[in-house]
Amino acid sequence: MISPWHLYLMALMYVIAGIMHFIKPKAYLRIMPRYLPEHKLLVSLSGIAEVLLGFALCFSITKNIAVYAIIVMLIFFLPVHFYMLTGKQESAGIPKWILILRIPLQFGLMYWAYTYLQY
């Protein structure tokens, strides 16, 4: 079965986002909550996860597992989004209104992933 083009768009989005963890790691390290250990390791692991899950979306045998894993991953990313709201340094210079909008966006991304369970 051929998947819709927008599933491949989502896959590409996660692959690119994951690669960016290795191209611009400082951007991700800057937004890591202080209470989390091993920031470099967590940034690398999240980058690897995004790349692997993006590719896994492209194959029918792994798509459903990837969808559930993406939803869980986005839930794990939520504390970072809330942490970025706590101060100027934590916000990485991103305007507060954008940071606030990113929180419901995470739920939108979760729903977008969930919709592919029917294909």
N, C-alpha and C. Protein backbone atom coordinates (compact mmCIF):
# COMPACT_ATOMS: atom_id res chain seq x y z
N MET A 1 0.84 -1.18 0.00
CA MET A 1 0.00 0.00 0.00
C MET A 1 0.89 1.25 0.00
N ILE A 2 0.53 2.20 -0.82
CA ILE A 2 1.27 3.45 -0.90
C ILE A 2 0.73 4.41 0.15
N SER A 3 1.61 4.95 0.93
CA SER A 3 1.22 5.91 1.97
C SER A 3 1.04 7.29 1.37
N PRO A 4 0.26 8.15 2.02
CA PRO A 4 0.05 9.51 1.50
C PRO A 4 1.34 10.33 1.56
N TRP A 5 1.44 11.29 0.66
CA TRP A 5 2.64 12.13 0.57
C TRP A 5 2.95 12.83 1.88
N HIS A 6 1.91 13.19 2.64
CA HIS A 6 2.15 13.94 3.87
C HIS A 6 2.79 13.09 4.97
N LEU A 7 2.65 11.77 4.86
CA LEU A 7 3.37 10.89 5.78
C LEU A 7 4.87 11.00 5.51
N TYR A 8 5.23 11.05 4.24
CA TYR A 8 6.65 11.20 3.88
C TYR A 8 7.17 12.59 4.26
N LEU A 9 6.29 13.57 4.21
CA LEU A 9 6.67 14.92 4.66
C LEU A 9 7.00 14.89 6.15
N MET A 10 6.14 14.20 6.92
CA MET A 10 6.40 14.08 8.36
C MET A 10 7.72 13.33 8.59
N ALA A 11 7.92 12.27 7.85
CA ALA A 11 9.16 11.49 7.99
C ALA A 11 10.38 12.37 7.71
N LEU A 12 10.32 13.13 6.64
CA LEU A 12 11.42 14.02 6.29
C LEU A 12 11.66 15.06 7.37
N MET A 13 10.57 15.58 7.94
CA MET A 13 10.67 16.57 9.00
C MET A 13 11.46 16.01 10.20
N TYR A 14 11.15 14.77 10.60
CA TYR A 14 11.85 14.18 11.74
C TYR A 14 13.30 13.84 11.40
N VAL A 15 13.55 13.38 10.18
CA VAL A 15 14.93 13.08 9.79
C VAL A 15 15.77 14.36 9.81
N ILE A 16 15.25 15.43 9.23
CA ILE A 16 15.99 16.70 9.22
C ILE A 16 16.18 17.23 10.64
N ALA A 17 15.12 17.17 11.45
CA ALA A 17 15.24 17.64 12.84
C ALA A 17 16.30 16.83 13.59
N GLY A 18 16.32 15.53 13.36
CA GLY A 18 17.32 14.69 14.02
C GLY A 18 18.73 15.01 13.58
N ILE A 19 18.92 15.22 12.30
CA ILE A 19 20.24 15.57 11.78
C ILE A 19 20.71 16.90 12.37
N MET A 20 19.78 17.82 12.55
CA MET A 20 20.14 19.13 13.11
C MET A 20 20.72 19.01 14.52
N HIS A 21 20.37 17.96 15.25
CA HIS A 21 20.95 17.74 16.58
C HIS A 21 22.46 17.57 16.50
N PHE A 22 22.95 17.11 15.36
CA PHE A 22 24.39 16.88 15.18
C PHE A 22 25.07 18.04 14.46
N ILE A 23 24.32 18.75 13.64
CA ILE A 23 24.88 19.91 12.93
C ILE A 23 24.97 21.12 13.86
N LYS A 24 23.94 21.33 14.67
CA LYS A 24 23.86 22.48 15.58
C LYS A 24 23.58 22.01 17.01
N PRO A 25 24.43 21.19 17.60
CA PRO A 25 24.14 20.67 18.94
C PRO A 25 24.03 21.74 20.01
N LYS A 26 24.76 22.85 19.85
CA LYS A 26 24.71 23.91 20.86
C LYS A 26 23.32 24.49 21.00
N ALA A 27 22.58 24.56 19.90
CA ALA A 27 21.22 25.09 19.95
C ALA A 27 20.34 24.21 20.85
N TYR A 28 20.55 22.92 20.80
CA TYR A 28 19.76 21.99 21.61
C TYR A 28 20.29 21.93 23.04
N LEU A 29 21.59 22.01 23.20
CA LEU A 29 22.17 22.00 24.55
C LEU A 29 21.72 23.21 25.35
N ARG A 30 21.56 24.35 24.68
CA ARG A 30 21.15 25.59 25.35
C ARG A 30 19.77 25.49 25.98
N ILE A 31 18.90 24.67 25.40
CA ILE A 31 17.52 24.62 25.88
C ILE A 31 17.24 23.43 26.79
N MET A 32 18.27 22.67 27.12
CA MET A 32 18.08 21.51 27.99
C MET A 32 17.85 21.97 29.43
N PRO A 33 16.80 21.46 30.07
CA PRO A 33 16.57 21.81 31.48
C PRO A 33 17.76 21.40 32.34
N ARG A 34 18.09 22.26 33.28
CA ARG A 34 19.26 22.01 34.15
C ARG A 34 19.12 20.74 34.97
N TYR A 35 17.89 20.37 35.29
CA TYR A 35 17.68 19.22 36.15
C TYR A 35 17.91 17.88 35.43
N LEU A 36 18.05 17.91 34.10
CA LEU A 36 18.33 16.67 33.37
C LEU A 36 19.83 16.43 33.31
N PRO A 37 20.25 15.18 33.49
CA PRO A 37 21.69 14.87 33.43
C PRO A 37 22.15 14.65 31.99
N GLU A 38 23.45 14.63 31.79
CA GLU A 38 24.05 14.20 30.52
C GLU A 38 23.44 14.88 29.30
N HIS A 39 23.49 16.19 29.27
CA HIS A 39 22.87 16.95 28.18
C HIS A 39 23.36 16.51 26.80
N LYS A 40 24.65 16.35 26.64
CA LYS A 40 25.19 15.96 25.32
C LYS A 40 24.65 14.61 24.89
N LEU A 41 24.61 13.68 25.82
CA LEU A 41 24.09 12.35 25.51
C LEU A 41 22.61 12.42 25.13
N LEU A 42 21.83 13.17 25.89
CA LEU A 42 20.40 13.29 25.61
C LEU A 42 20.13 13.95 24.26
N VAL A 43 20.92 14.96 23.92
CA VAL A 43 20.76 15.61 22.61
C VAL A 43 21.09 14.62 21.50
N SER A 44 22.16 13.87 21.66
CA SER A 44 22.54 12.87 20.65
C SER A 44 21.49 11.78 20.53
N LEU A 45 21.02 11.27 21.66
CA LEU A 45 20.01 10.20 21.63
C LEU A 45 18.70 10.68 21.00
N SER A 46 18.30 11.91 21.32
CA SER A 46 17.06 12.41 20.73
C SER A 46 17.23 12.63 19.23
N GLY A 47 18.41 13.05 18.80
CA GLY A 47 18.67 13.20 17.37
C GLY A 47 18.63 11.86 16.66
N ILE A 48 19.26 10.86 17.24
CA ILE A 48 19.24 9.51 16.66
C ILE A 48 17.81 9.00 16.60
N ALA A 49 17.05 9.20 17.68
CA ALA A 49 15.66 8.73 17.71
C ALA A 49 14.84 9.38 16.61
N GLU A 50 15.00 10.69 16.43
CA GLU A 50 14.22 11.37 15.40
C GLU A 50 14.57 10.86 14.00
N VAL A 51 15.84 10.65 13.73
CA VAL A 51 16.24 10.13 12.42
C VAL A 51 15.67 8.73 12.20
N LEU A 52 15.86 7.85 13.17
CA LEU A 52 15.38 6.48 13.03
C LEU A 52 13.86 6.42 12.91
N LEU A 53 13.17 7.20 13.71
CA LEU A 53 11.70 7.18 13.65
C LEU A 53 11.20 7.77 12.34
N GLY A 54 11.89 8.79 11.84
CA GLY A 54 11.52 9.35 10.54
C GLY A 54 11.62 8.29 9.45
N PHE A 55 12.72 7.55 9.43
CA PHE A 55 12.86 6.49 8.43
C PHE A 55 11.85 5.37 8.67
N ALA A 56 11.59 5.05 9.93
CA ALA A 56 10.64 3.98 10.25
C ALA A 56 9.23 4.30 9.79
N LEU A 57 8.88 5.57 9.69
CA LEU A 57 7.56 5.95 9.19
C LEU A 57 7.37 5.54 7.73
N CYS A 58 8.44 5.36 7.01
CA CYS A 58 8.37 5.11 5.56
C CYS A 58 8.10 3.65 5.20
N PHE A 59 8.11 2.77 6.17
CA PHE A 59 7.93 1.35 5.88
C PHE A 59 6.71 0.83 6.63
N SER A 60 5.82 0.16 5.91
CA SER A 60 4.56 -0.29 6.52
C SER A 60 4.80 -1.21 7.72
N ILE A 61 5.86 -1.99 7.68
CA ILE A 61 6.12 -2.92 8.78
C ILE A 61 6.51 -2.21 10.08
N THR A 62 7.07 -1.00 9.98
CA THR A 62 7.52 -0.27 11.18
C THR A 62 6.72 1.01 11.44
N LYS A 63 5.81 1.36 10.54
CA LYS A 63 5.12 2.64 10.64
C LYS A 63 4.35 2.79 11.94
N ASN A 64 3.54 1.80 12.32
CA ASN A 64 2.72 1.95 13.53
C ASN A 64 3.58 2.06 14.79
N ILE A 65 4.64 1.28 14.86
CA ILE A 65 5.54 1.38 16.01
C ILE A 65 6.17 2.77 16.04
N ALA A 66 6.56 3.27 14.88
CA ALA A 66 7.16 4.61 14.80
C ALA A 66 6.17 5.68 15.24
N VAL A 67 4.91 5.54 14.85
CA VAL A 67 3.89 6.51 15.25
C VAL A 67 3.78 6.56 16.77
N TYR A 68 3.64 5.41 17.40
CA TYR A 68 3.54 5.39 18.86
C TYR A 68 4.81 5.94 19.52
N ALA A 69 5.96 5.59 18.97
CA ALA A 69 7.22 6.07 19.53
C ALA A 69 7.36 7.59 19.37
N ILE A 70 6.90 8.13 18.25
CA ILE A 70 6.94 9.58 18.04
C ILE A 70 6.06 10.28 19.06
N ILE A 71 4.89 9.74 19.30
CA ILE A 71 3.99 10.35 20.29
C ILE A 71 4.66 10.35 21.67
N VAL A 72 5.26 9.24 22.05
CA VAL A 72 5.95 9.16 23.35
C VAL A 72 7.13 10.14 23.37
N MET A 73 7.88 10.20 22.29
CA MET A 73 9.02 11.12 22.21
C MET A 73 8.57 12.56 22.39
N LEU A 74 7.48 12.94 21.73
CA LEU A 74 6.98 14.31 21.84
C LEU A 74 6.51 14.61 23.26
N ILE A 75 5.96 13.61 23.93
CA ILE A 75 5.58 13.79 25.34
C ILE A 75 6.83 14.05 26.18
N PHE A 76 7.90 13.29 25.91
CA PHE A 76 9.15 13.49 26.64
C PHE A 76 9.77 14.86 26.34
N PHE A 77 9.51 15.41 25.16
CA PHE A 77 10.04 16.72 24.80
C PHE A 77 9.28 17.87 25.47
N LEU A 78 8.08 17.63 25.96
CA LEU A 78 7.27 18.71 26.55
C LEU A 78 7.98 19.46 27.67
N PRO A 79 8.67 18.78 28.60
CA PRO A 79 9.35 19.55 29.65
C PRO A 79 10.34 20.58 29.12
N VAL A 80 10.97 20.30 28.00
CA VAL A 80 11.90 21.27 27.40
C VAL A 80 11.13 22.51 26.98
N HIS A 81 9.96 22.33 26.40
CA HIS A 81 9.16 23.47 25.95
C HIS A 81 8.70 24.32 27.13
N PHE A 82 8.31 23.67 28.22
CA PHE A 82 7.92 24.42 29.41
C PHE A 82 9.14 25.11 30.05
N TYR A 83 10.26 24.41 30.07
CA TYR A 83 11.50 24.98 30.63
C TYR A 83 11.89 26.25 29.89
N MET A 84 11.71 26.27 28.59
CA MET A 84 12.09 27.44 27.80
C MET A 84 11.26 28.67 28.17
N LEU A 85 10.14 28.48 28.82
CA LEU A 85 9.30 29.59 29.26
C LEU A 85 9.75 30.20 30.58
N THR A 86 10.74 29.60 31.23
CA THR A 86 11.09 30.02 32.59
C THR A 86 12.02 31.23 32.67
N GLY A 87 12.66 31.60 31.60
CA GLY A 87 13.56 32.76 31.67
C GLY A 87 14.13 33.14 30.32
N LYS A 88 14.80 34.28 30.32
CA LYS A 88 15.36 34.82 29.07
C LYS A 88 16.46 33.90 28.51
N GLN A 89 17.37 33.47 29.36
CA GLN A 89 18.45 32.60 28.90
C GLN A 89 17.89 31.26 28.41
N GLU A 90 16.93 30.73 29.14
CA GLU A 90 16.34 29.44 28.79
C GLU A 90 15.56 29.51 27.48
N SER A 91 15.05 30.69 27.16
CA SER A 91 14.23 30.84 25.95
C SER A 91 15.06 30.84 24.67
N ALA A 92 16.38 30.94 24.79
CA ALA A 92 17.29 30.96 23.64
C ALA A 92 16.97 32.10 22.69
N GLY A 93 16.42 33.19 23.24
CA GLY A 93 16.12 34.36 22.43
C GLY A 93 14.86 34.26 21.60
N ILE A 94 14.10 33.20 21.77
CA ILE A 94 12.85 33.03 21.02
C ILE A 94 11.76 33.81 21.74
N PRO A 95 10.96 34.60 21.02
CA PRO A 95 9.89 35.37 21.67
C PRO A 95 8.93 34.46 22.45
N LYS A 96 8.46 34.99 23.58
CA LYS A 96 7.62 34.20 24.47
C LYS A 96 6.36 33.69 23.78
N TRP A 97 5.75 34.52 22.91
CA TRP A 97 4.52 34.09 22.25
C TRP A 97 4.76 32.87 21.36
N ILE A 98 5.93 32.78 20.77
CA ILE A 98 6.25 31.60 19.95
C ILE A 98 6.44 30.38 20.85
N LEU A 99 7.11 30.59 21.99
CA LEU A 99 7.31 29.48 22.93
C LEU A 99 5.98 28.95 23.43
N ILE A 100 5.04 29.84 23.68
CA ILE A 100 3.72 29.43 24.15
C ILE A 100 3.00 28.64 23.05
N LEU A 101 3.10 29.11 21.81
CA LEU A 101 2.44 28.41 20.70
C LEU A 101 3.05 27.03 20.44
N ARG A 102 4.31 26.85 20.80
CA ARG A 102 4.96 25.56 20.56
C ARG A 102 4.36 24.44 21.41
N ILE A 103 3.76 24.79 22.53
CA ILE A 103 3.20 23.74 23.39
C ILE A 103 1.98 23.08 22.73
N PRO A 104 0.96 23.85 22.30
CA PRO A 104 -0.13 23.17 21.59
C PRO A 104 0.33 22.55 20.26
N LEU A 105 1.37 23.12 19.66
CA LEU A 105 1.91 22.53 18.43
C LEU A 105 2.37 21.10 18.68
N GLN A 106 2.95 20.83 19.84
CA GLN A 106 3.39 19.47 20.16
C GLN A 106 2.21 18.51 20.14
N PHE A 107 1.07 18.96 20.68
CA PHE A 107 -0.11 18.11 20.68
C PHE A 107 -0.65 17.94 19.26
N GLY A 108 -0.52 18.98 18.45
CA GLY A 108 -0.89 18.86 17.04
C GLY A 108 -0.02 17.86 16.31
N LEU A 109 1.27 17.87 16.61
CA LEU A 109 2.19 16.90 16.00
C LEU A 109 1.86 15.47 16.46
N MET A 110 1.48 15.33 17.72
CA MET A 110 1.08 14.01 18.22
C MET A 110 -0.16 13.51 17.47
N TYR A 111 -1.14 14.40 17.31
CA TYR A 111 -2.36 14.02 16.60
C TYR A 111 -2.05 13.69 15.14
N TRP A 112 -1.21 14.50 14.51
CA TRP A 112 -0.83 14.26 13.12
C TRP A 112 -0.23 12.85 12.99
N ALA A 113 0.66 12.50 13.88
CA ALA A 113 1.25 11.16 13.85
C ALA A 113 0.18 10.10 14.06
N TYR A 114 -0.69 10.33 15.02
CA TYR A 114 -1.75 9.36 15.35
C TYR A 114 -2.64 9.06 14.14
N THR A 115 -2.88 10.06 13.30
CA THR A 115 -3.78 9.85 12.16
C THR A 115 -3.24 8.82 11.18
N TYR A 116 -1.95 8.54 11.21
CA TYR A 116 -1.38 7.57 10.27
C TYR A 116 -1.54 6.12 10.72
N LEU A 117 -2.14 5.91 11.88
CA LEU A 117 -2.39 4.54 12.31
C LEU A 117 -3.46 3.88 11.44
N GLN A 118 -4.29 4.67 10.77
CA GLN A 118 -5.36 4.11 9.94
C GLN A 118 -4.87 3.64 8.58
N TYR A 119 -3.70 4.08 8.14
CA TYR A 119 -3.21 3.72 6.80
C TYR A 119 -2.50 2.39 6.81
